[in-house]
């Protein structure tokens, strides 16, 4: 067989047996997988790239009359109805019996589940075709939102819905560190879509999962949910103000957790390190899409102690000695304030302890310092005050050869 000459020929070749599929769901799964390759290789605005491809494909194949060509055109128009030209696609004369069920589904349930720390939330929506025999089984769309990086990290479409929902219920019922609830469909659509827009703009997609292959079908299904009312769309969360930081620190230092870790009354010489370490906690959580300084988990601890602080902060030996202790106390305090179960707090505390040796190693080697942080660290090591312009200029002049 001749090598396809265009991407559109390649799609037609891949879809040559589409009319032999058993139901509309199988056909939509084939269509979303084909569009997944477009989504995966796009460099930016991936959803826009898929929309543009579908529009161009429909234009390029408008004169194709084979059953496979007319059917895959209809499938693409169903999956990406906003693509220019999609609304004018007509059913072919040789369309399979299930073609009238493409996209003809109704919502049967919406749910959410996740971990008690708030690192990730999975949203699950179930759908059934109007005609089960031609359409296919009731199926589920699952979208995983990662709150630490602020994206929809994965989407998955599969079935039967009853089995998937049962597995999720059983998993959450058997783990006190997870939760499960029925979800407002408006909230589900709003949260997944908001984070998915960020995902669509990523230069590099998460490597594992079915995000690319199932993206088009998941998007088409979620678009069937009621849109969030404008008044219900939450404003972008703001980090705590300077006054709010001060109040939070004051309450923390009066807490039993601060006392337990010896931070309620530290020697005067250690106060600068204590307050610097606390400021780093706020600075770190301010970088999250949801800048909540009270949300601490093993994952957040790892991001902070083993990555962020080495790239963004310059610690002296006193700061490095105090920081793990401050993190343990603050995380324990924050977990209590949020009412998390004792095992959640214990696991976070254990994570800090386990990470201390690696934190010390990274501090010692400086291997994760950014160039800017490394430069400031060298200034301080040389006894230069970075806030003194005259001293800074003299240092740069003396080290010009090394800096060039």
Protein backbone atom coordinates (compact mmCIF):
# COMPACT_ATOMS: atom_id res chain seq x y z
CA UNK A 1 0.00 0.00 0.00
CA UNK A 2 1.29 3.44 -0.89
CA UNK A 3 2.57 5.70 1.85
CA UNK A 4 -0.05 8.35 2.79
CA UNK A 5 0.81 11.72 1.24
CA UNK A 6 -0.76 14.02 3.84
CA UNK A 7 -1.77 13.82 7.50
CA UNK A 8 -5.37 13.65 6.31
CA UNK A 9 -4.57 10.60 4.15
CA UNK A 10 -2.90 9.03 7.18
CA UNK A 11 -6.07 9.54 9.23
CA UNK A 12 -8.24 8.05 6.50
CA UNK A 13 -5.95 5.06 6.31
CA UNK A 14 -6.02 4.57 10.10
CA UNK A 15 -9.83 4.83 10.08
CA UNK A 16 -10.41 2.60 7.08
CA UNK A 17 -12.24 -0.02 9.18
CA UNK A 18 -14.26 2.41 11.28
CA UNK A 19 -17.59 1.23 9.87
CA UNK A 20 -16.86 -2.29 11.12
CA UNK A 21 -16.90 -1.18 14.77
CA UNK A 22 -19.70 -2.41 17.01
CA UNK A 23 -21.03 0.77 18.55
CA UNK A 24 -20.79 4.55 18.72
CA UNK A 25 -18.58 4.49 21.81
CA UNK A 26 -15.98 2.38 20.01
CA UNK A 27 -16.08 4.83 17.12
CA UNK A 28 -15.68 7.84 19.38
CA UNK A 29 -12.78 6.14 21.16
CA UNK A 30 -11.09 5.59 17.79
CA UNK A 31 -11.69 9.21 16.84
CA UNK A 32 -10.30 10.63 20.07
CA UNK A 33 -7.21 8.40 19.79
CA UNK A 34 -6.52 9.70 16.27
CA UNK A 35 -6.90 13.31 17.41
CA UNK A 36 -4.69 12.53 20.39
CA UNK A 37 -1.64 12.42 18.14
CA UNK A 38 -2.36 15.99 17.04
CA UNK A 39 -2.81 17.08 20.66
CA UNK A 40 0.41 15.37 21.75
CA UNK A 41 2.70 16.98 19.17
CA UNK A 42 1.30 20.52 19.33
CA UNK A 43 3.77 22.99 20.82
CA UNK A 44 1.19 25.25 22.44
CA UNK A 45 -2.59 25.77 22.54
CA UNK A 46 -3.09 22.06 22.04
CA UNK A 47 -6.89 22.27 22.07
CA UNK A 48 -6.67 24.95 19.40
CA UNK A 49 -4.35 22.75 17.34
CA UNK A 50 -6.91 19.91 17.44
CA UNK A 51 -9.72 22.30 16.47
CA UNK A 52 -7.68 23.65 13.54
CA UNK A 53 -6.74 20.14 12.41
CA UNK A 54 -10.36 18.98 12.43
CA UNK A 55 -11.41 22.04 10.44
CA UNK A 56 -8.65 21.47 7.88
CA UNK A 57 -9.41 17.75 7.72
CA UNK A 58 -13.10 18.39 7.05
CA UNK A 59 -12.21 20.83 4.28
CA UNK A 60 -9.62 18.52 2.73
CA UNK A 61 -11.94 15.48 2.71
CA UNK A 62 -15.18 17.19 1.73
CA UNK A 63 -15.32 15.29 -1.59
CA UNK A 64 -14.51 11.86 -0.14
CA UNK A 65 -17.55 9.62 -0.43
CA UNK A 66 -16.39 6.28 0.95
CA UNK A 67 -18.25 5.01 4.01
CA UNK A 68 -15.10 5.20 6.15
CA UNK A 69 -14.34 8.79 5.10
CA UNK A 70 -17.84 10.13 5.69
CA UNK A 71 -18.06 8.30 9.02
CA UNK A 72 -14.76 9.55 10.45
CA UNK A 73 -15.74 13.06 9.32
CA UNK A 74 -18.92 12.77 11.35
CA UNK A 75 -17.03 11.39 14.35
CA UNK A 76 -14.55 14.30 14.30
CA UNK A 77 -17.41 16.79 13.95
CA UNK A 78 -19.09 15.22 16.97
CA UNK A 79 -15.93 15.29 19.10
CA UNK A 80 -14.93 18.84 18.16
CA UNK A 81 -18.21 20.60 17.29
CA UNK A 82 -16.62 24.05 17.68
CA UNK A 83 -14.28 23.43 14.73
CA UNK A 84 -15.17 25.58 11.71
CA UNK A 85 -17.09 23.42 9.26
CA UNK A 86 -18.20 20.84 11.82
CA UNK A 87 -21.80 22.05 11.88
CA UNK A 88 -22.23 21.43 8.15
CA UNK A 89 -21.00 17.82 8.10
CA UNK A 90 -23.70 15.49 6.79
CA UNK A 91 -24.15 11.79 7.37
CA UNK A 92 -22.99 9.56 4.54
CA UNK A 93 -25.36 7.33 2.63
CA UNK A 94 -23.49 4.24 3.84
CA UNK A 95 -23.29 5.26 7.50
CA UNK A 96 -23.22 2.37 10.00
CA UNK A 97 -26.33 1.74 12.10
CA UNK A 98 -24.76 3.29 15.20
CA UNK A 99 -23.94 6.63 13.55
CA UNK A 100 -27.09 8.34 14.82
CA UNK A 101 -25.89 7.68 18.41
CA UNK A 102 -22.62 9.61 18.09
CA UNK A 103 -22.56 12.09 20.95
CA UNK A 104 -26.14 11.24 21.94
CA UNK A 105 -25.53 10.67 25.63
CA UNK A 106 -27.08 11.86 28.87
CA UNK A 107 -25.37 12.53 32.19
CA UNK A 108 -26.11 9.88 34.84
CA UNK A 109 -23.91 10.96 37.76
CA UNK A 110 -21.11 13.26 38.91
CA UNK A 111 -18.66 12.55 41.72
CA UNK A 112 -15.36 13.68 43.20
CA UNK A 113 -12.71 11.99 45.33
CA UNK A 114 -9.19 12.74 46.49
CA UNK A 115 -6.65 12.74 49.29
CA UNK A 116 -7.33 14.48 52.59
CA UNK A 117 -4.30 16.78 52.20
CA UNK A 118 -5.71 18.32 49.03
CA UNK A 119 -2.86 17.40 46.68
CA UNK A 120 -5.12 15.90 44.04
CA UNK A 121 -8.82 15.70 43.24
CA UNK A 122 -10.31 13.31 40.72
CA UNK A 123 -13.64 14.20 39.11
CA UNK A 124 -15.80 11.42 37.70
CA UNK A 125 -18.84 11.81 35.46
CA UNK A 126 -20.90 8.93 34.05
CA UNK A 127 -22.84 8.95 30.78
CA UNK A 128 -25.31 6.66 28.99
CA UNK A 129 -26.32 6.61 25.33
CA UNK A 130 -29.93 7.14 24.35
CA UNK A 131 -29.82 3.73 22.66
CA UNK A 132 -27.53 1.39 24.58
CA UNK A 133 -27.50 -1.28 21.86
CA UNK A 134 -26.21 1.04 19.15
CA UNK A 135 -24.45 3.56 21.35
CA UNK A 136 -22.57 1.30 23.71
CA UNK A 137 -22.33 0.79 27.47
CA UNK A 138 -22.65 3.44 30.14
CA UNK A 139 -19.16 4.87 30.55
CA UNK A 140 -17.18 7.19 32.78
CA UNK A 141 -14.98 10.22 32.25
CA UNK A 142 -12.36 10.66 34.98
CA UNK A 143 -10.21 13.79 35.22
CA UNK A 144 -7.33 14.09 37.69
CA UNK A 145 -6.59 17.64 38.90
CA UNK A 146 -3.21 18.17 40.56
CA UNK A 147 -3.42 21.16 42.90
CA UNK A 148 0.34 21.36 43.47
CA UNK A 149 1.07 22.09 39.82
CA UNK A 150 -2.33 23.50 38.90
CA UNK A 151 -3.21 21.32 35.90
CA UNK A 152 -5.59 18.59 34.86
CA UNK A 153 -2.89 15.94 34.95
CA UNK A 154 -4.79 13.14 33.25
CA UNK A 155 -8.16 12.26 31.72
CA UNK A 156 -9.57 8.82 31.11
CA UNK A 157 -12.68 7.53 29.35
CA UNK A 158 -13.71 3.95 29.97
CA UNK A 159 -16.38 1.57 31.10
CA UNK A 160 -18.49 0.04 32.23
CA UNK A 161 -19.28 3.01 34.45
CA UNK A 162 -20.73 0.87 37.24
CA UNK A 163 -17.48 -1.07 37.60
CA UNK A 164 -15.30 2.05 37.64
CA UNK A 165 -17.53 3.81 40.14
CA UNK A 166 -17.62 0.72 42.36
CA UNK A 167 -13.83 0.46 42.36
CA UNK A 168 -13.51 4.12 43.36
CA UNK A 169 -16.07 3.76 46.17
CA UNK A 170 -14.32 0.68 47.55
CA UNK A 171 -10.89 2.32 47.37
CA UNK A 172 -12.04 5.39 49.28
CA UNK A 173 -14.04 3.40 51.82
CA UNK A 174 -10.94 1.37 52.67
CA UNK A 175 -8.56 4.32 53.07
CA UNK A 176 -9.11 6.93 55.75
CA UNK A 177 -6.74 9.28 53.93
CA UNK A 178 -9.11 9.60 50.96
CA UNK A 179 -12.63 11.00 50.60
CA UNK A 180 -15.51 10.52 48.16
CA UNK A 181 -18.64 12.53 47.50
CA UNK A 182 -21.30 13.27 44.92
CA UNK A 183 -20.37 16.46 43.09
CA UNK A 184 -22.29 19.38 41.62
CA UNK A 185 -21.98 18.94 37.83
CA UNK A 186 -21.41 22.68 37.39
CA UNK A 187 -18.50 22.61 39.78
CA UNK A 188 -17.09 19.50 38.15
CA UNK A 189 -17.14 21.08 34.70
CA UNK A 190 -15.72 24.36 35.96
CA UNK A 191 -12.83 22.85 37.92
CA UNK A 192 -11.75 20.39 35.23
CA UNK A 193 -12.05 22.96 32.44
CA UNK A 194 -10.16 25.63 34.37
CA UNK A 195 -7.20 23.35 34.99
CA UNK A 196 -7.43 21.74 31.55
CA UNK A 197 -6.91 25.12 29.90
CA UNK A 198 -3.53 25.28 31.64
CA UNK A 199 -2.71 21.73 30.58
CA UNK A 200 -3.53 22.58 26.97
CA UNK A 201 -0.83 25.24 27.02
CA UNK A 202 1.96 23.07 28.43
CA UNK A 203 5.12 22.64 26.40
CA UNK A 204 5.55 19.11 27.76
CA UNK A 205 2.65 16.90 28.77
CA UNK A 206 2.70 14.49 31.71
CA UNK A 207 4.26 11.31 30.37
CA UNK A 208 1.95 8.71 31.89
CA UNK A 209 -1.76 8.25 31.45
CA UNK A 210 -4.27 8.74 28.64
CA UNK A 211 -4.40 12.53 28.58
CA UNK A 212 -3.62 12.96 24.89
CA UNK A 213 -5.61 10.01 23.54
CA UNK A 214 -8.79 10.69 25.54
CA UNK A 215 -8.68 14.50 25.60
CA UNK A 216 -11.09 15.15 22.72
CA UNK A 217 -13.78 12.74 23.92
CA UNK A 218 -13.46 13.87 27.53
CA UNK A 219 -13.81 17.49 26.43
CA UNK A 220 -16.89 16.68 24.35
CA UNK A 221 -18.53 14.88 27.27
CA UNK A 222 -17.72 17.58 29.82
CA UNK A 223 -19.17 20.21 27.48
CA UNK A 224 -22.55 18.50 27.93
CA UNK A 225 -22.57 19.35 31.65
CA UNK A 226 -24.29 22.55 32.77
CA UNK A 227 -21.90 25.48 32.69
CA UNK A 228 -21.05 27.14 36.03
CA UNK A 229 -23.05 30.28 36.72
CA UNK A 230 -20.88 33.36 36.40
CA UNK A 231 -21.44 34.22 40.05
CA UNK A 232 -20.35 30.71 41.04
CA UNK A 233 -16.98 30.91 39.29
CA UNK A 234 -14.46 31.39 42.10
CA UNK A 235 -12.06 34.29 41.93
CA UNK A 236 -8.39 33.48 41.56
CA UNK A 237 -7.13 32.79 45.09
CA UNK A 238 -4.81 35.42 46.53
CA UNK A 239 -1.84 34.72 48.83
CA UNK A 240 -2.07 36.01 52.41
CA UNK A 241 -1.32 39.69 52.86
CA UNK A 242 1.53 40.88 55.07
CA UNK A 243 -0.89 41.48 57.96
CA UNK A 244 -2.44 38.03 57.50
CA UNK A 245 1.02 36.46 57.53
CA UNK A 246 1.80 38.23 60.79
CA UNK A 247 -1.42 37.00 62.40
CA UNK A 248 -0.82 33.42 61.24
CA UNK A 249 2.75 33.44 62.57
CA UNK A 250 1.61 34.84 65.92
CA UNK A 251 -1.03 32.14 66.30
CA UNK A 252 1.42 29.46 65.30
CA UNK A 253 4.04 30.56 67.83
CA UNK A 254 1.35 30.37 70.54
CA UNK A 255 0.35 26.84 69.49
CA UNK A 256 1.19 23.56 71.24
CA UNK A 257 2.99 22.44 68.07
CA UNK A 258 5.42 25.36 68.29
CA UNK A 259 6.02 24.53 71.94
CA UNK A 260 6.51 20.83 71.22
CA UNK A 261 9.25 21.56 68.70
CA UNK A 262 10.93 24.19 70.84
CA UNK A 263 9.91 27.19 68.75
CA UNK A 264 7.64 29.04 71.15
CA UNK A 265 10.60 30.55 73.01
CA UNK A 266 13.87 30.38 71.08
CA UNK A 267 17.06 32.20 72.10
CA UNK A 268 17.25 35.73 70.75
CA UNK A 269 20.17 34.78 68.53
CA UNK A 270 17.96 32.21 66.74
CA UNK A 271 15.00 34.53 66.14
CA UNK A 272 16.23 35.77 62.72
CA UNK A 273 16.52 32.19 61.46
CA UNK A 274 13.11 31.27 62.87
CA UNK A 275 11.34 34.15 61.16
CA UNK A 276 13.29 33.65 57.95
CA UNK A 277 12.27 29.98 57.85
CA UNK A 278 8.63 30.95 58.44
CA UNK A 279 8.82 33.50 55.63
CA UNK A 280 10.10 30.79 53.31
CA UNK A 281 7.06 28.64 54.12
CA UNK A 282 4.77 31.47 53.01
CA UNK A 283 6.89 32.31 49.97
CA UNK A 284 6.76 28.71 48.85
CA UNK A 285 3.00 28.27 49.18
CA UNK A 286 2.49 31.62 47.44
CA UNK A 287 3.88 29.98 44.29
CA UNK A 288 1.04 27.41 44.18
CA UNK A 289 -2.04 28.00 42.00
CA UNK A 290 -3.99 27.83 45.27
CA UNK A 291 -1.65 29.69 47.67
CA UNK A 292 -2.83 28.17 50.95
CA UNK A 293 -0.08 28.18 53.62
CA UNK A 294 -2.09 25.68 55.67
CA UNK A 295 -2.02 22.91 53.05
CA UNK A 296 0.96 20.69 53.88
CA UNK A 297 1.34 17.08 52.82
CA UNK A 298 4.23 14.68 52.18
CA UNK A 299 4.20 15.83 48.56
CA UNK A 300 4.31 19.53 49.47
CA UNK A 301 7.09 18.86 51.99
CA UNK A 302 9.11 17.15 49.25
CA UNK A 303 8.60 20.02 46.81
CA UNK A 304 9.74 22.48 49.47
CA UNK A 305 12.65 20.75 51.22
CA UNK A 306 14.13 18.91 48.25
CA UNK A 307 13.62 21.41 45.45
CA UNK A 308 12.17 24.89 45.91
CA UNK A 309 14.20 26.06 48.88
CA UNK A 310 17.48 25.12 47.21
CA UNK A 311 16.59 26.94 44.00
CA UNK A 312 15.08 30.04 45.54
CA UNK A 313 16.66 30.73 48.94
CA UNK A 314 20.10 31.28 50.39
CA UNK A 315 20.43 29.55 53.75
CA UNK A 316 23.22 29.91 56.24
CA UNK A 317 24.07 27.05 58.58
CA UNK A 318 21.68 28.27 61.29
CA UNK A 319 18.81 28.49 58.80
CA UNK A 320 19.55 25.01 57.43
CA UNK A 321 19.64 23.56 60.94
CA UNK A 322 16.32 25.14 61.89
CA UNK A 323 14.27 24.73 58.70
CA UNK A 324 13.26 21.03 59.04
CA UNK A 325 12.15 21.66 62.63
CA UNK A 326 10.05 24.64 61.54
CA UNK A 327 8.48 22.62 58.74
CA UNK A 328 7.58 19.77 61.11
CA UNK A 329 5.97 22.15 63.58
CA UNK A 330 4.15 24.21 60.96
CA UNK A 331 2.83 21.14 59.12
CA UNK A 332 1.56 19.63 62.38
CA UNK A 333 -0.11 22.91 63.30
CA UNK A 334 -1.65 23.34 59.84
CA UNK A 335 -2.98 19.77 59.71
CA UNK A 336 -4.62 20.23 63.12
CA UNK A 337 -6.17 23.52 62.06
CA UNK A 338 -7.64 21.82 59.00
CA UNK A 339 -9.02 18.96 61.07
CA UNK A 340 -7.13 16.23 59.24
CA UNK A 341 -7.09 12.72 60.74
CA UNK A 342 -4.14 11.86 62.95
CA UNK A 343 -2.61 9.41 60.42
CA UNK A 344 -2.41 12.23 57.86
CA UNK A 345 -0.43 14.43 60.24
CA UNK A 346 1.76 11.49 61.25
CA UNK A 347 2.58 10.65 57.65
CA UNK A 348 3.53 14.24 56.89
CA UNK A 349 5.75 14.40 59.96
CA UNK A 350 7.41 11.12 59.02
CA UNK A 351 8.03 12.46 55.52
CA UNK A 352 9.93 15.45 56.92
CA UNK A 353 12.11 13.18 59.03
CA UNK A 354 12.84 10.91 56.09
CA UNK A 355 13.81 13.86 53.89
CA UNK A 356 16.22 15.53 56.31
CA UNK A 357 19.33 13.62 55.17
CA UNK A 358 18.68 14.45 51.52
CA UNK A 359 17.89 18.06 52.43
CA UNK A 360 21.22 18.31 54.23
CA UNK A 361 23.05 16.75 51.29
CA UNK A 362 21.49 19.16 48.81
CA UNK A 363 22.28 22.09 51.08
CA UNK A 364 25.89 20.93 51.37
CA UNK A 365 26.47 20.32 47.67
CA UNK A 366 24.42 23.24 46.38
CA UNK A 367 23.68 21.19 43.29
CA UNK A 368 20.12 22.46 42.91
CA UNK A 369 20.87 26.12 43.36
CA UNK A 370 19.80 28.37 40.53
CA UNK A 371 22.53 30.60 39.03
CA UNK A 372 21.08 33.62 40.84
CA UNK A 373 20.93 31.82 44.17
CA UNK A 374 24.45 30.47 43.72
CA UNK A 375 25.73 33.98 43.00
CA UNK A 376 24.12 35.40 46.13
CA UNK A 377 25.46 32.49 48.19
CA UNK A 378 28.97 33.24 46.92
CA UNK A 379 28.57 36.92 47.80
CA UNK A 380 27.63 36.04 51.35
CA UNK A 381 30.44 33.50 51.60
CA UNK A 382 32.84 36.26 50.55
CA UNK A 383 31.48 38.54 53.26
CA UNK A 384 29.63 40.86 50.85
CA UNK A 385 26.27 42.37 51.77
CA UNK A 386 24.11 41.99 48.60
CA UNK A 387 22.14 45.09 49.65
CA UNK A 388 25.28 47.29 49.71
CA UNK A 389 25.65 48.71 46.15
CA UNK A 390 29.24 49.88 46.65
CA UNK A 391 30.40 46.54 48.06
CA UNK A 392 28.50 44.68 45.36
CA UNK A 393 30.08 46.75 42.58
CA UNK A 394 33.56 46.24 44.04
CA UNK A 395 32.98 42.48 44.24
CA UNK A 396 31.76 42.30 40.64
CA UNK A 397 34.82 44.27 39.47
CA UNK A 398 37.17 42.00 41.39
CA UNK A 399 35.51 38.86 39.99
CA UNK A 400 34.82 40.09 36.46
CA UNK A 401 37.02 37.44 34.85
CA UNK A 402 35.28 34.62 36.72
CA UNK A 403 31.83 35.96 35.91
CA UNK A 404 32.42 36.39 32.17
